[in-house]
Protein backbone atom coordinates (compact mmCIF):
# COMPACT_ATOMS: atom_id res chain seq x y z
CA MET A 1 11.14 12.22 -24.96
CA GLY A 2 14.24 10.64 -23.42
CA GLY A 3 13.91 12.58 -20.15
CA PHE A 4 10.22 11.81 -19.90
CA ALA A 5 10.69 8.06 -20.19
CA LYS A 6 13.65 7.79 -17.79
CA GLY A 7 11.49 7.63 -14.67
CA PHE A 8 9.00 5.18 -16.12
CA SER A 9 10.75 2.04 -14.86
CA ALA A 10 11.12 3.42 -11.32
CA CYS A 11 7.42 4.31 -11.24
CA PHE A 12 6.43 0.96 -12.69
CA TYR A 13 8.45 -1.12 -10.23
CA GLY A 14 7.51 1.08 -7.30
CA SER A 15 3.81 0.70 -8.01
CA ILE A 16 4.11 -3.07 -8.33
CA VAL A 17 5.95 -3.41 -5.02
CA CYS A 18 3.53 -1.10 -3.24
CA GLY A 19 0.57 -2.97 -4.68
CA PHE A 20 1.92 -6.23 -3.28
CA ILE A 21 2.58 -4.62 0.09
CA TYR A 22 -0.90 -3.06 0.23
CA PHE A 23 -2.90 -6.14 -0.73
CA GLY A 24 -0.77 -8.44 1.41
CA LEU A 25 -1.21 -6.24 4.47
CA TYR A 26 -4.91 -5.78 3.76
CA LYS A 27 -5.49 -9.52 3.73
CA ALA A 28 -3.40 -10.04 6.85
CA PHE A 29 -5.16 -7.24 8.75
CA LYS A 30 -8.57 -8.49 7.63
CA ASN A 31 -7.89 -12.05 8.78
CA PHE A 32 -6.48 -10.80 12.09
CA CYS A 33 -9.44 -8.49 12.75
CA LYS A 34 -12.00 -11.15 11.82
CA GLU A 35 -10.54 -13.49 14.44
CA ARG A 36 -10.00 -10.78 17.05
CA PHE A 37 -13.33 -8.90 16.62
CA PRO A 38 -15.92 -11.41 15.33
CA LYS A 39 -18.94 -9.18 16.00
CA MET A 40 -17.57 -6.09 14.26
CA ASN A 41 -19.57 -4.67 11.35
CA TYR A 42 -18.07 -6.07 8.13
CA THR A 43 -18.08 -2.71 6.32
CA LEU A 44 -16.29 -1.03 9.20
CA LEU A 45 -13.84 -3.93 9.38
CA CYS A 46 -12.96 -3.64 5.68
CA PHE A 47 -12.65 0.13 5.93
CA SER A 48 -10.36 0.05 8.96
CA CYS A 49 -8.18 -2.73 7.51
CA SER A 50 -7.89 -0.82 4.24
CA PHE A 51 -6.94 2.34 6.11
CA MET A 52 -4.24 0.56 8.13
CA ALA A 53 -2.83 -1.17 5.06
CA GLU A 54 -2.69 2.13 3.16
CA ALA A 55 -0.97 3.88 6.07
CA PHE A 56 1.74 1.22 6.29
CA THR A 57 2.18 1.19 2.52
CA LEU A 58 2.66 4.97 2.46
CA ILE A 59 5.37 4.64 5.12
CA VAL A 60 7.29 2.54 2.58
CA TYR A 61 6.26 4.29 -0.63
CA TYR A 62 6.58 7.97 0.34
CA PRO A 63 10.38 7.94 0.94
CA PHE A 64 10.87 5.96 -2.28
CA ASP A 65 8.77 8.43 -4.25
CA MET A 66 10.55 11.45 -2.76
CA PHE A 67 13.96 9.95 -3.55
CA LYS A 68 12.83 9.15 -7.09
CA CYS A 69 11.53 12.68 -7.68
CA ARG A 70 14.68 14.34 -6.38
CA LEU A 71 16.84 12.35 -8.76
């Protein structure tokens, strides 16, 4: 049980940080795109902003997760 619970804190803190990054970027991208492309379909706008936010979040999270797993 000790080995199983060792990585819990790293996973917990990593998910919190990535959640903040994702939702912060999503809101920023959405506000930027609303101003820049006012006639864009709202569903497409939300989808594209979500995709961009997820891509940038993975750029941060993937190296952290790989480092965590290799330890």
